[in-house]
Amino acid sequence: MSLISEEDKKFLKKEFEKKMKDDVYVYVFTSNDNCRYCKETVDITNETASLHDAIHVEVLNVNSDKAKEMGVDKAPTTIITDNNEYGSRIRYIGIPAGYEFSSLIEDIISVSQRKVTFEEHVKEHLDEIDEPIEIKVFVTPTCPYCPRAVRTAHKFAQYNKYIHGKMIEAIEFPDWADQYGVSAVPHIVINDDVVFQGALPEHDFVENVMEVYSKMKNKK
C-alpha cells in the first residue's frame, strides 16, 4: 500500500519538475532491532524518490560504516545531503510522516537548489557562527506547527557548516523526550543549553542560537 496518495504524487511531480536542480542523496539508516517505523521510513523515501530522477535513496544499517562516518546511532534516521558541502547536518530521527512529510519535501528541494534565503538580520547572525551548534527539534506527526521549526533548524544547518539540525520524533523516542522534559511540541533544544517551545519566526529563532553562541565565546 502506497504511503503517498496518487493526488499528492501528481502534485509533487509537478513541484519537483519546476524546482529541482541538482542531485539530492537521501540516506535512510534502519535496524532489525525493534525499529517500529523503519519499513515505513524506507517506503516513504523510496516513493518520494520515484517522483524525480535527481533524488537518490540509499538504505543502510545503523551499524554500518556509513552510519559511523555520519554519526548515526538511532533508527530510523534519514539524512538529506548533496554528498559534499552539507555532510550529515540535515537529519530526521524518526519517521518523517504526517505534517513532517512537508519538511522532508522542502528539504529535498532546498538541497537540490543548493541555497537557502534569509532576512539580512538572520543571515548576519548565521555568518558569525564558527562554533559547533546542535539544534534538536522534538516533534510529533500530528503537530501542525512543528514543520516550521524543523525547517528553520534545517535551513540554518544547510547555510552554516557549524550547525546541525535534528528533527526528533518524540513518540518514537520517549526516553529521549523525557530526558529533555518535552511536554509540548515543537520543543527546541540548542546545545543542551537553551530550550524553548513553539514555531518561532526565523529572526527570533536565531536569537536563541546566538545566545548559545555568545555563551560559548564567553567561556573561552
N, C-alpha and C. Protein backbone atom coordinates (compact mmCIF):
# COMPACT_ATOMS: atom_id res chain seq x y z
N MET A 1 0.84 -1.20 0.00
CA MET A 1 0.00 0.00 0.00
C MET A 1 0.88 1.26 0.00
N SER A 2 0.57 2.17 -0.89
CA SER A 2 1.35 3.40 -1.01
C SER A 2 1.08 4.33 0.18
N LEU A 3 2.15 4.96 0.67
CA LEU A 3 2.01 5.91 1.78
C LEU A 3 1.72 7.32 1.28
N ILE A 4 1.95 7.57 -0.01
CA ILE A 4 1.66 8.87 -0.61
C ILE A 4 0.50 8.69 -1.58
N SER A 5 -0.54 9.49 -1.41
CA SER A 5 -1.72 9.35 -2.27
C SER A 5 -1.38 9.70 -3.71
N GLU A 6 -2.17 9.20 -4.63
CA GLU A 6 -1.96 9.48 -6.05
C GLU A 6 -2.09 10.98 -6.34
N GLU A 7 -3.02 11.62 -5.65
CA GLU A 7 -3.19 13.07 -5.83
C GLU A 7 -1.94 13.82 -5.39
N ASP A 8 -1.38 13.42 -4.22
CA ASP A 8 -0.17 14.06 -3.74
C ASP A 8 1.02 13.77 -4.65
N LYS A 9 1.08 12.58 -5.20
CA LYS A 9 2.17 12.24 -6.12
C LYS A 9 2.14 13.13 -7.35
N LYS A 10 0.97 13.36 -7.88
CA LYS A 10 0.84 14.24 -9.05
C LYS A 10 1.31 15.65 -8.73
N PHE A 11 0.90 16.13 -7.55
CA PHE A 11 1.30 17.48 -7.13
C PHE A 11 2.81 17.55 -6.95
N LEU A 12 3.39 16.55 -6.28
CA LEU A 12 4.83 16.56 -6.01
C LEU A 12 5.64 16.45 -7.28
N LYS A 13 5.18 15.66 -8.22
CA LYS A 13 5.89 15.55 -9.50
C LYS A 13 6.00 16.91 -10.17
N LYS A 14 4.93 17.65 -10.17
CA LYS A 14 4.93 18.98 -10.77
C LYS A 14 5.86 19.92 -10.01
N GLU A 15 5.82 19.85 -8.68
CA GLU A 15 6.71 20.69 -7.86
C GLU A 15 8.17 20.37 -8.13
N PHE A 16 8.48 19.09 -8.17
CA PHE A 16 9.86 18.67 -8.42
C PHE A 16 10.33 19.10 -9.81
N GLU A 17 9.46 18.95 -10.78
CA GLU A 17 9.82 19.35 -12.16
C GLU A 17 10.13 20.84 -12.24
N LYS A 18 9.39 21.63 -11.49
CA LYS A 18 9.60 23.08 -11.51
C LYS A 18 10.82 23.52 -10.71
N LYS A 19 11.11 22.83 -9.59
CA LYS A 19 12.06 23.37 -8.63
C LYS A 19 13.36 22.60 -8.46
N MET A 20 13.38 21.33 -8.80
CA MET A 20 14.59 20.55 -8.59
C MET A 20 15.68 20.96 -9.58
N LYS A 21 16.93 21.00 -9.08
CA LYS A 21 18.05 21.38 -9.94
C LYS A 21 19.12 20.29 -9.93
N ASP A 22 19.87 20.17 -8.84
CA ASP A 22 20.96 19.19 -8.77
C ASP A 22 20.54 17.96 -7.96
N ASP A 23 21.39 16.93 -8.02
CA ASP A 23 21.08 15.68 -7.34
C ASP A 23 21.03 15.84 -5.82
N VAL A 24 20.14 15.05 -5.21
CA VAL A 24 19.99 15.00 -3.76
C VAL A 24 20.12 13.55 -3.33
N TYR A 25 20.84 13.34 -2.24
CA TYR A 25 21.08 11.99 -1.73
C TYR A 25 20.39 11.83 -0.38
N VAL A 26 19.57 10.80 -0.28
CA VAL A 26 18.81 10.54 0.94
C VAL A 26 19.31 9.22 1.52
N TYR A 27 19.92 9.30 2.70
CA TYR A 27 20.41 8.10 3.37
C TYR A 27 19.41 7.74 4.47
N VAL A 28 18.93 6.51 4.44
CA VAL A 28 17.99 6.03 5.45
C VAL A 28 18.67 4.91 6.23
N PHE A 29 18.85 5.14 7.52
CA PHE A 29 19.51 4.15 8.38
C PHE A 29 18.45 3.39 9.17
N THR A 30 18.50 2.08 9.06
CA THR A 30 17.48 1.23 9.68
C THR A 30 18.14 0.21 10.61
N SER A 31 17.29 -0.52 11.32
CA SER A 31 17.77 -1.56 12.23
C SER A 31 16.75 -2.68 12.27
N ASN A 32 17.22 -3.88 12.53
CA ASN A 32 16.33 -5.03 12.69
C ASN A 32 15.88 -5.21 14.12
N ASP A 33 16.35 -4.36 15.00
CA ASP A 33 16.07 -4.50 16.44
C ASP A 33 14.96 -3.55 16.88
N ASN A 34 13.75 -4.06 16.83
CA ASN A 34 12.59 -3.31 17.36
C ASN A 34 12.47 -1.89 16.80
N CYS A 35 12.72 -1.74 15.52
CA CYS A 35 12.56 -0.43 14.88
C CYS A 35 11.14 -0.34 14.32
N ARG A 36 10.30 0.38 15.04
CA ARG A 36 8.87 0.36 14.75
C ARG A 36 8.53 0.93 13.37
N TYR A 37 9.23 2.00 12.95
CA TYR A 37 8.86 2.66 11.71
C TYR A 37 9.95 2.63 10.64
N CYS A 38 10.89 1.71 10.76
CA CYS A 38 11.95 1.63 9.75
C CYS A 38 11.39 1.32 8.37
N LYS A 39 10.54 0.33 8.27
CA LYS A 39 9.99 -0.05 6.96
C LYS A 39 9.23 1.10 6.34
N GLU A 40 8.39 1.76 7.13
CA GLU A 40 7.60 2.88 6.61
C GLU A 40 8.49 4.04 6.18
N THR A 41 9.58 4.28 6.91
CA THR A 41 10.51 5.35 6.54
C THR A 41 11.17 5.05 5.20
N VAL A 42 11.58 3.80 5.02
CA VAL A 42 12.15 3.39 3.73
C VAL A 42 11.11 3.54 2.62
N ASP A 43 9.89 3.12 2.89
CA ASP A 43 8.83 3.18 1.86
C ASP A 43 8.54 4.63 1.46
N ILE A 44 8.44 5.51 2.44
CA ILE A 44 8.04 6.89 2.11
C ILE A 44 9.16 7.62 1.37
N THR A 45 10.42 7.32 1.70
CA THR A 45 11.53 7.96 0.98
C THR A 45 11.68 7.38 -0.42
N ASN A 46 11.48 6.08 -0.56
CA ASN A 46 11.56 5.47 -1.89
C ASN A 46 10.42 5.96 -2.80
N GLU A 47 9.24 6.09 -2.24
CA GLU A 47 8.12 6.61 -3.03
C GLU A 47 8.39 8.04 -3.47
N THR A 48 8.98 8.83 -2.59
CA THR A 48 9.33 10.21 -2.93
C THR A 48 10.38 10.23 -4.04
N ALA A 49 11.39 9.39 -3.91
CA ALA A 49 12.46 9.34 -4.91
C ALA A 49 11.96 8.92 -6.28
N SER A 50 10.91 8.12 -6.30
CA SER A 50 10.37 7.64 -7.58
C SER A 50 9.73 8.77 -8.40
N LEU A 51 9.55 9.93 -7.77
CA LEU A 51 8.87 11.04 -8.44
C LEU A 51 9.82 11.96 -9.19
N HIS A 52 11.15 11.77 -9.00
CA HIS A 52 12.11 12.60 -9.75
C HIS A 52 13.47 11.90 -9.80
N ASP A 53 14.10 11.95 -10.94
CA ASP A 53 15.36 11.23 -11.15
C ASP A 53 16.53 11.80 -10.35
N ALA A 54 16.40 13.03 -9.85
CA ALA A 54 17.50 13.65 -9.12
C ALA A 54 17.56 13.24 -7.65
N ILE A 55 16.55 12.47 -7.20
CA ILE A 55 16.51 12.04 -5.80
C ILE A 55 17.00 10.60 -5.71
N HIS A 56 18.05 10.39 -4.92
CA HIS A 56 18.68 9.08 -4.81
C HIS A 56 18.61 8.60 -3.36
N VAL A 57 18.03 7.44 -3.15
CA VAL A 57 17.89 6.89 -1.80
C VAL A 57 18.82 5.69 -1.62
N GLU A 58 19.51 5.67 -0.50
CA GLU A 58 20.32 4.51 -0.13
C GLU A 58 19.92 4.09 1.29
N VAL A 59 19.58 2.82 1.44
CA VAL A 59 19.18 2.28 2.74
C VAL A 59 20.35 1.52 3.33
N LEU A 60 20.69 1.86 4.58
CA LEU A 60 21.86 1.28 5.25
C LEU A 60 21.50 0.88 6.67
N ASN A 61 22.28 -0.02 7.22
CA ASN A 61 22.06 -0.43 8.61
C ASN A 61 22.69 0.59 9.56
N VAL A 62 22.07 0.75 10.70
CA VAL A 62 22.56 1.73 11.68
C VAL A 62 23.92 1.33 12.24
N ASN A 63 24.32 0.08 12.03
CA ASN A 63 25.64 -0.37 12.47
C ASN A 63 26.69 -0.35 11.36
N SER A 64 26.34 0.21 10.22
CA SER A 64 27.24 0.22 9.07
C SER A 64 28.36 1.25 9.25
N ASP A 65 29.39 1.11 8.41
CA ASP A 65 30.49 2.08 8.42
C ASP A 65 29.99 3.47 8.07
N LYS A 66 29.02 3.55 7.15
CA LYS A 66 28.47 4.85 6.75
C LYS A 66 27.78 5.52 7.94
N ALA A 67 27.10 4.72 8.75
CA ALA A 67 26.44 5.26 9.95
C ALA A 67 27.47 5.85 10.90
N LYS A 68 28.56 5.13 11.09
CA LYS A 68 29.63 5.63 11.96
C LYS A 68 30.22 6.92 11.39
N GLU A 69 30.44 6.93 10.09
CA GLU A 69 31.00 8.11 9.43
C GLU A 69 30.11 9.33 9.61
N MET A 70 28.80 9.11 9.57
CA MET A 70 27.85 10.22 9.67
C MET A 70 27.37 10.48 11.10
N GLY A 71 27.86 9.69 12.05
CA GLY A 71 27.47 9.90 13.44
C GLY A 71 26.05 9.50 13.74
N VAL A 72 25.58 8.46 13.08
CA VAL A 72 24.20 7.98 13.26
C VAL A 72 24.20 6.78 14.19
N ASP A 73 23.35 6.82 15.24
CA ASP A 73 23.26 5.69 16.15
C ASP A 73 21.83 5.32 16.51
N LYS A 74 20.87 5.93 15.83
CA LYS A 74 19.46 5.62 16.09
C LYS A 74 18.74 5.35 14.78
N ALA A 75 17.76 4.45 14.85
CA ALA A 75 16.98 4.10 13.67
C ALA A 75 15.49 4.26 13.95
N PRO A 76 14.75 4.74 12.94
CA PRO A 76 15.25 5.20 11.64
C PRO A 76 15.82 6.63 11.72
N THR A 77 16.89 6.84 10.99
CA THR A 77 17.43 8.18 10.79
C THR A 77 17.54 8.43 9.30
N THR A 78 17.07 9.59 8.87
CA THR A 78 17.14 9.98 7.46
C THR A 78 17.98 11.23 7.34
N ILE A 79 18.95 11.19 6.43
CA ILE A 79 19.83 12.34 6.18
C ILE A 79 19.65 12.81 4.75
N ILE A 80 19.48 14.12 4.59
CA ILE A 80 19.34 14.73 3.26
C ILE A 80 20.62 15.50 2.98
N THR A 81 21.28 15.21 1.86
CA THR A 81 22.57 15.85 1.60
C THR A 81 22.86 15.96 0.11
N ASP A 82 23.93 16.71 -0.18
CA ASP A 82 24.42 16.82 -1.55
C ASP A 82 25.65 15.94 -1.77
N ASN A 83 25.98 15.14 -0.74
CA ASN A 83 27.18 14.29 -0.77
C ASN A 83 28.47 15.10 -0.85
N ASN A 84 28.40 16.34 -0.41
CA ASN A 84 29.58 17.19 -0.48
C ASN A 84 29.55 18.20 0.66
N GLU A 85 29.08 19.38 0.36
CA GLU A 85 29.15 20.51 1.29
C GLU A 85 28.30 20.31 2.55
N TYR A 86 27.13 19.70 2.42
CA TYR A 86 26.18 19.66 3.53
C TYR A 86 26.43 18.52 4.51
N GLY A 87 27.27 17.56 4.15
CA GLY A 87 27.58 16.48 5.08
C GLY A 87 26.33 15.79 5.59
N SER A 88 26.28 15.59 6.90
CA SER A 88 25.13 14.91 7.52
C SER A 88 24.36 15.84 8.44
N ARG A 89 24.38 17.13 8.12
CA ARG A 89 23.85 18.13 9.06
C ARG A 89 22.32 18.21 9.07
N ILE A 90 21.66 17.72 8.02
CA ILE A 90 20.20 17.82 7.92
C ILE A 90 19.63 16.43 8.13
N ARG A 91 19.02 16.21 9.30
CA ARG A 91 18.59 14.84 9.57
C ARG A 91 17.25 14.76 10.30
N TYR A 92 16.61 13.61 10.10
CA TYR A 92 15.35 13.25 10.75
C TYR A 92 15.60 12.00 11.56
N ILE A 93 15.31 12.05 12.84
CA ILE A 93 15.43 10.86 13.69
C ILE A 93 14.00 10.46 14.04
N GLY A 94 13.54 9.39 13.41
CA GLY A 94 12.13 9.03 13.45
C GLY A 94 11.52 9.24 12.07
N ILE A 95 10.35 8.71 11.87
CA ILE A 95 9.73 8.77 10.55
C ILE A 95 9.32 10.20 10.18
N PRO A 96 9.66 10.66 8.99
CA PRO A 96 9.23 11.99 8.53
C PRO A 96 7.84 11.90 7.90
N ALA A 97 6.85 11.63 8.72
CA ALA A 97 5.49 11.42 8.23
C ALA A 97 4.55 12.44 8.86
N GLY A 98 3.28 12.36 8.47
CA GLY A 98 2.32 13.34 8.96
C GLY A 98 2.71 14.72 8.47
N TYR A 99 2.61 15.71 9.34
CA TYR A 99 2.98 17.07 8.94
C TYR A 99 4.46 17.17 8.57
N GLU A 100 5.28 16.29 9.13
CA GLU A 100 6.72 16.38 8.85
C GLU A 100 7.10 15.96 7.43
N PHE A 101 6.18 15.33 6.73
CA PHE A 101 6.47 14.98 5.34
C PHE A 101 6.71 16.24 4.51
N SER A 102 6.01 17.31 4.87
CA SER A 102 6.21 18.58 4.14
C SER A 102 7.62 19.11 4.37
N SER A 103 8.17 18.93 5.57
CA SER A 103 9.55 19.35 5.83
C SER A 103 10.52 18.56 4.97
N LEU A 104 10.27 17.26 4.86
CA LEU A 104 11.13 16.40 4.04
C LEU A 104 11.16 16.90 2.60
N ILE A 105 10.01 17.20 2.06
CA ILE A 105 9.92 17.67 0.67
C ILE A 105 10.64 19.01 0.51
N GLU A 106 10.43 19.93 1.43
CA GLU A 106 11.09 21.24 1.34
C GLU A 106 12.60 21.10 1.47
N ASP A 107 13.05 20.20 2.33
CA ASP A 107 14.49 19.97 2.47
C ASP A 107 15.10 19.43 1.19
N ILE A 108 14.41 18.47 0.57
CA ILE A 108 14.91 17.88 -0.68
C ILE A 108 15.04 18.95 -1.76
N ILE A 109 14.02 19.78 -1.89
CA ILE A 109 14.06 20.85 -2.90
C ILE A 109 15.16 21.85 -2.57
N SER A 110 15.26 22.23 -1.32
CA SER A 110 16.26 23.22 -0.90
C SER A 110 17.68 22.72 -1.13
N VAL A 111 17.95 21.47 -0.78
CA VAL A 111 19.27 20.89 -1.01
C VAL A 111 19.55 20.78 -2.50
N SER A 112 18.53 20.43 -3.27
CA SER A 112 18.69 20.35 -4.73
C SER A 112 19.05 21.70 -5.32
N GLN A 113 18.47 22.76 -4.79
CA GLN A 113 18.76 24.11 -5.29
C GLN A 113 20.09 24.65 -4.76
N ARG A 114 20.64 23.98 -3.74
CA ARG A 114 21.93 24.37 -3.15
C ARG A 114 21.92 25.78 -2.57
N LYS A 115 20.76 26.20 -2.07
CA LYS A 115 20.71 27.53 -1.47
C LYS A 115 19.54 27.66 -0.52
N VAL A 116 19.69 28.58 0.44
CA VAL A 116 18.59 28.98 1.31
C VAL A 116 18.63 30.50 1.41
N THR A 117 17.51 31.11 1.69
CA THR A 117 17.46 32.57 1.79
C THR A 117 16.92 32.98 3.16
N PHE A 118 17.43 34.11 3.65
CA PHE A 118 17.03 34.64 4.95
C PHE A 118 16.93 36.16 4.87
N GLU A 119 16.26 36.73 5.86
CA GLU A 119 16.34 38.17 6.05
C GLU A 119 17.79 38.53 6.38
N GLU A 120 18.19 39.72 6.04
CA GLU A 120 19.59 40.12 6.24
C GLU A 120 20.01 40.00 7.70
N HIS A 121 19.12 40.36 8.61
CA HIS A 121 19.41 40.28 10.05
C HIS A 121 19.75 38.84 10.44
N VAL A 122 19.00 37.87 9.94
CA VAL A 122 19.22 36.46 10.26
C VAL A 122 20.54 36.00 9.65
N LYS A 123 20.76 36.36 8.40
CA LYS A 123 21.98 35.97 7.69
C LYS A 123 23.23 36.50 8.42
N GLU A 124 23.17 37.74 8.87
CA GLU A 124 24.32 38.33 9.56
C GLU A 124 24.69 37.54 10.81
N HIS A 125 23.66 37.12 11.56
CA HIS A 125 23.91 36.31 12.74
C HIS A 125 24.51 34.96 12.37
N LEU A 126 23.93 34.31 11.39
CA LEU A 126 24.41 32.98 10.99
C LEU A 126 25.86 33.04 10.49
N ASP A 127 26.21 34.15 9.86
CA ASP A 127 27.58 34.31 9.36
C ASP A 127 28.60 34.40 10.49
N GLU A 128 28.15 34.78 11.68
CA GLU A 128 29.07 34.90 12.82
C GLU A 128 29.48 33.55 13.39
N ILE A 129 28.63 32.56 13.25
CA ILE A 129 28.80 31.31 13.99
C ILE A 129 29.97 30.49 13.44
N ASP A 130 30.93 30.21 14.32
CA ASP A 130 32.09 29.41 13.96
C ASP A 130 32.41 28.40 15.06
N GLU A 131 31.39 28.02 15.81
CA GLU A 131 31.49 27.00 16.85
C GLU A 131 30.35 26.00 16.63
N PRO A 132 30.54 24.73 17.05
CA PRO A 132 29.51 23.71 16.82
C PRO A 132 28.20 24.02 17.55
N ILE A 133 27.13 24.03 16.79
CA ILE A 133 25.79 24.25 17.33
C ILE A 133 24.90 23.09 16.90
N GLU A 134 24.26 22.43 17.87
CA GLU A 134 23.32 21.36 17.56
C GLU A 134 21.91 21.79 17.97
N ILE A 135 21.00 21.75 17.01
CA ILE A 135 19.61 22.13 17.28
C ILE A 135 18.74 20.87 17.19
N LYS A 136 18.19 20.48 18.33
CA LYS A 136 17.24 19.36 18.37
C LYS A 136 15.83 19.93 18.35
N VAL A 137 14.99 19.43 17.46
CA VAL A 137 13.60 19.86 17.40
C VAL A 137 12.72 18.64 17.63
N PHE A 138 12.12 18.55 18.80
CA PHE A 138 11.23 17.44 19.11
C PHE A 138 9.85 17.73 18.53
N VAL A 139 9.29 16.73 17.85
CA VAL A 139 8.02 16.91 17.14
C VAL A 139 7.14 15.68 17.34
N THR A 140 5.90 15.81 16.89
CA THR A 140 5.02 14.66 16.69
C THR A 140 4.40 14.80 15.30
N PRO A 141 4.00 13.69 14.67
CA PRO A 141 3.47 13.76 13.31
C PRO A 141 2.17 14.57 13.17
N THR A 142 1.46 14.75 14.29
CA THR A 142 0.18 15.46 14.24
C THR A 142 0.28 16.93 14.61
N CYS A 143 1.50 17.42 14.80
CA CYS A 143 1.70 18.82 15.19
C CYS A 143 1.82 19.70 13.95
N PRO A 144 0.84 20.59 13.71
CA PRO A 144 0.88 21.42 12.51
C PRO A 144 1.91 22.54 12.56
N TYR A 145 2.43 22.85 13.75
CA TYR A 145 3.39 23.93 13.89
C TYR A 145 4.84 23.44 13.82
N CYS A 146 5.03 22.14 13.98
CA CYS A 146 6.38 21.58 14.05
C CYS A 146 7.19 21.73 12.76
N PRO A 147 6.60 21.54 11.58
CA PRO A 147 7.41 21.67 10.37
C PRO A 147 8.13 23.00 10.23
N ARG A 148 7.52 24.06 10.70
CA ARG A 148 8.17 25.37 10.60
C ARG A 148 9.46 25.39 11.43
N ALA A 149 9.40 24.82 12.64
CA ALA A 149 10.58 24.79 13.49
C ALA A 149 11.66 23.88 12.90
N VAL A 150 11.24 22.75 12.35
CA VAL A 150 12.18 21.82 11.74
C VAL A 150 12.86 22.46 10.54
N ARG A 151 12.08 23.09 9.70
CA ARG A 151 12.65 23.72 8.51
C ARG A 151 13.62 24.84 8.88
N THR A 152 13.31 25.60 9.91
CA THR A 152 14.24 26.65 10.32
C THR A 152 15.57 26.05 10.77
N ALA A 153 15.50 25.02 11.59
CA ALA A 153 16.73 24.36 12.05
C ALA A 153 17.51 23.79 10.87
N HIS A 154 16.81 23.19 9.93
CA HIS A 154 17.48 22.59 8.77
C HIS A 154 18.04 23.65 7.82
N LYS A 155 17.33 24.75 7.68
CA LYS A 155 17.85 25.84 6.84
C LYS A 155 19.14 26.42 7.45
N PHE A 156 19.13 26.60 8.76
CA PHE A 156 20.34 27.09 9.43
C PHE A 156 21.50 26.12 9.20
N ALA A 157 21.20 24.82 9.30
CA ALA A 157 22.23 23.79 9.11
C ALA A 157 22.73 23.75 7.67
N GLN A 158 21.82 23.96 6.73
CA GLN A 158 22.22 23.98 5.32
C GLN A 158 23.13 25.18 5.04
N TYR A 159 22.85 26.29 5.69
CA TYR A 159 23.59 27.52 5.42
C TYR A 159 24.96 27.54 6.07
N ASN A 160 25.04 27.04 7.31
CA ASN A 160 26.28 27.17 8.08
C ASN A 160 26.81 25.79 8.47
N LYS A 161 28.06 25.51 8.11
CA LYS A 161 28.63 24.17 8.32
C LYS A 161 28.82 23.81 9.79
N TYR A 162 28.73 24.79 10.67
CA TYR A 162 28.90 24.51 12.10
C TYR A 162 27.59 24.10 12.78
N ILE A 163 26.48 24.22 12.07
CA ILE A 163 25.18 23.95 12.66
C ILE A 163 24.63 22.61 12.19
N HIS A 164 24.13 21.82 13.13
CA HIS A 164 23.45 20.56 12.82
C HIS A 164 22.00 20.66 13.28
N GLY A 165 21.08 20.32 12.38
CA GLY A 165 19.66 20.37 12.70
C GLY A 165 19.07 18.97 12.75
N LYS A 166 18.46 18.62 13.88
CA LYS A 166 17.91 17.27 14.05
C LYS A 166 16.43 17.35 14.41
N MET A 167 15.58 16.79 13.56
CA MET A 167 14.20 16.53 13.94
C MET A 167 14.18 15.23 14.73
N ILE A 168 13.50 15.22 15.87
CA ILE A 168 13.37 14.01 16.68
C ILE A 168 11.90 13.75 16.94
N GLU A 169 11.43 12.59 16.54
CA GLU A 169 10.02 12.25 16.73
C GLU A 169 9.85 11.78 18.18
N ALA A 170 9.17 12.60 18.98
CA ALA A 170 9.11 12.39 20.43
C ALA A 170 8.40 11.10 20.82
N ILE A 171 7.40 10.68 20.07
CA ILE A 171 6.65 9.48 20.43
C ILE A 171 7.49 8.23 20.18
N GLU A 172 8.30 8.25 19.14
CA GLU A 172 9.16 7.11 18.84
C GLU A 172 10.32 6.99 19.83
N PHE A 173 10.74 8.12 20.38
CA PHE A 173 11.88 8.13 21.30
C PHE A 173 11.47 8.77 22.63
N PRO A 174 10.57 8.10 23.37
CA PRO A 174 10.02 8.70 24.60
C PRO A 174 11.07 8.94 25.69
N ASP A 175 12.07 8.05 25.79
CA ASP A 175 13.11 8.26 26.82
C ASP A 175 13.90 9.53 26.53
N TRP A 176 14.18 9.74 25.27
CA TRP A 176 14.90 10.94 24.86
C TRP A 176 14.06 12.19 25.15
N ALA A 177 12.78 12.09 24.80
CA ALA A 177 11.87 13.22 25.07
C ALA A 177 11.77 13.50 26.56
N ASP A 178 11.70 12.45 27.37
CA ASP A 178 11.64 12.63 28.82
C ASP A 178 12.91 13.27 29.35
N GLN A 179 14.04 12.88 28.78
CA GLN A 179 15.33 13.44 29.21
C GLN A 179 15.35 14.95 29.07
N TYR A 180 14.68 15.46 28.01
CA TYR A 180 14.69 16.90 27.76
C TYR A 180 13.39 17.59 28.19
N GLY A 181 12.57 16.85 28.97
CA GLY A 181 11.38 17.46 29.53
C GLY A 181 10.36 17.91 28.50
N VAL A 182 10.21 17.14 27.44
CA VAL A 182 9.27 17.51 26.37
C VAL A 182 7.84 17.27 26.85
N SER A 183 7.08 18.34 26.95
CA SER A 183 5.67 18.24 27.34
C SER A 183 4.75 18.80 26.27
N ALA A 184 5.32 19.57 25.36
CA ALA A 184 4.58 20.13 24.23
C ALA A 184 5.56 20.28 23.07
N VAL A 185 5.02 20.27 21.87
CA VAL A 185 5.88 20.37 20.68
C VAL A 185 5.39 21.52 19.79
N PRO A 186 6.32 22.09 18.99
CA PRO A 186 7.74 21.78 18.92
C PRO A 186 8.49 22.23 20.17
N HIS A 187 9.44 21.39 20.57
CA HIS A 187 10.28 21.64 21.73
C HIS A 187 11.71 21.68 21.21
N ILE A 188 12.36 22.82 21.34
CA ILE A 188 13.67 23.02 20.73
C ILE A 188 14.75 23.10 21.80
N VAL A 189 15.83 22.35 21.57
CA VAL A 189 16.97 22.33 22.49
C VAL A 189 18.22 22.67 21.69
N ILE A 190 18.94 23.69 22.12
CA ILE A 190 20.16 24.11 21.42
C ILE A 190 21.36 23.84 22.31
N ASN A 191 22.21 22.92 21.84
CA ASN A 191 23.43 22.54 22.58
C ASN A 191 23.15 22.15 24.03
N ASP A 192 21.98 21.54 24.27
CA ASP A 192 21.60 21.12 25.62
C ASP A 192 21.67 22.28 26.61
N ASP A 193 21.49 23.49 26.13
CA ASP A 193 21.63 24.68 26.95
C ASP A 193 20.36 25.52 26.92
N VAL A 194 20.09 26.13 25.78
CA VAL A 194 18.90 26.97 25.64
C VAL A 194 17.73 26.13 25.14
N VAL A 195 16.61 26.26 25.81
CA VAL A 195 15.41 25.49 25.47
C VAL A 195 14.24 26.44 25.28
N PHE A 196 13.44 26.21 24.24
CA PHE A 196 12.21 26.99 24.07
C PHE A 196 11.20 26.16 23.31
N GLN A 197 9.97 26.60 23.32
CA GLN A 197 8.89 25.90 22.64
C GLN A 197 8.22 26.83 21.63
N GLY A 198 7.67 26.21 20.61
CA GLY A 198 6.91 26.98 19.63
C GLY A 198 7.67 27.19 18.33
N ALA A 199 6.90 27.46 17.28
CA ALA A 199 7.47 27.68 15.95
C ALA A 199 7.78 29.16 15.79
N LEU A 200 8.90 29.59 16.33
CA LEU A 200 9.26 31.00 16.29
C LEU A 200 9.64 31.43 14.87
N PRO A 201 9.41 32.69 14.54
CA PRO A 201 9.93 33.22 13.27
C PRO A 201 11.46 33.11 13.26
N GLU A 202 12.04 33.05 12.08
CA GLU A 202 13.49 32.86 11.97
C GLU A 202 14.29 33.90 12.74
N HIS A 203 13.84 35.17 12.73
CA HIS A 203 14.62 36.21 13.40
C HIS A 203 14.60 36.03 14.92
N ASP A 204 13.55 35.40 15.48
CA ASP A 204 13.53 35.11 16.91
C ASP A 204 14.29 33.82 17.21
N PHE A 205 14.13 32.85 16.34
CA PHE A 205 14.82 31.56 16.49
C PHE A 205 16.33 31.79 16.54
N VAL A 206 16.83 32.61 15.61
CA VAL A 206 18.28 32.81 15.54
C VAL A 206 18.81 33.53 16.78
N GLU A 207 17.99 34.33 17.44
CA GLU A 207 18.43 34.99 18.68
C GLU A 207 18.74 33.96 19.76
N ASN A 208 17.96 32.88 19.80
CA ASN A 208 18.23 31.80 20.75
C ASN A 208 19.53 31.08 20.40
N VAL A 209 19.76 30.91 19.12
CA VAL A 209 21.02 30.30 18.68
C VAL A 209 22.19 31.19 19.09
N MET A 210 22.04 32.48 18.89
CA MET A 210 23.12 33.42 19.22
C MET A 210 23.37 33.49 20.72
N GLU A 211 22.34 33.26 21.52
CA GLU A 211 22.53 33.22 22.98
C GLU A 211 23.48 32.09 23.35
N VAL A 212 23.29 30.94 22.73
CA VAL A 212 24.18 29.80 22.97
C VAL A 212 25.59 30.11 22.47
N TYR A 213 25.66 30.68 21.28
CA TYR A 213 26.96 31.01 20.68
C TYR A 213 27.73 32.00 21.56
N SER A 214 27.04 33.01 22.08
CA SER A 214 27.68 34.01 22.93
C SER A 214 28.23 33.38 24.21
N LYS A 215 27.46 32.45 24.79
CA LYS A 215 27.92 31.76 25.98
C LYS A 215 29.19 30.96 25.70
N MET A 216 29.22 30.32 24.53
CA MET A 216 30.39 29.54 24.15
C MET A 216 31.62 30.44 24.01
N LYS A 217 31.42 31.59 23.40
CA LYS A 217 32.55 32.52 23.20
C LYS A 217 33.03 33.09 24.53
N ASN A 218 32.09 33.36 25.43
CA ASN A 218 32.45 33.97 26.70
C ASN A 218 33.23 33.00 27.62
N LYS A 219 33.05 31.70 27.38
CA LYS A 219 33.77 30.71 28.18
C LYS A 219 35.22 30.58 27.78
N LYS A 220 35.57 31.12 26.61
CA LYS A 220 36.95 30.99 26.12
C LYS A 220 37.85 32.10 26.65
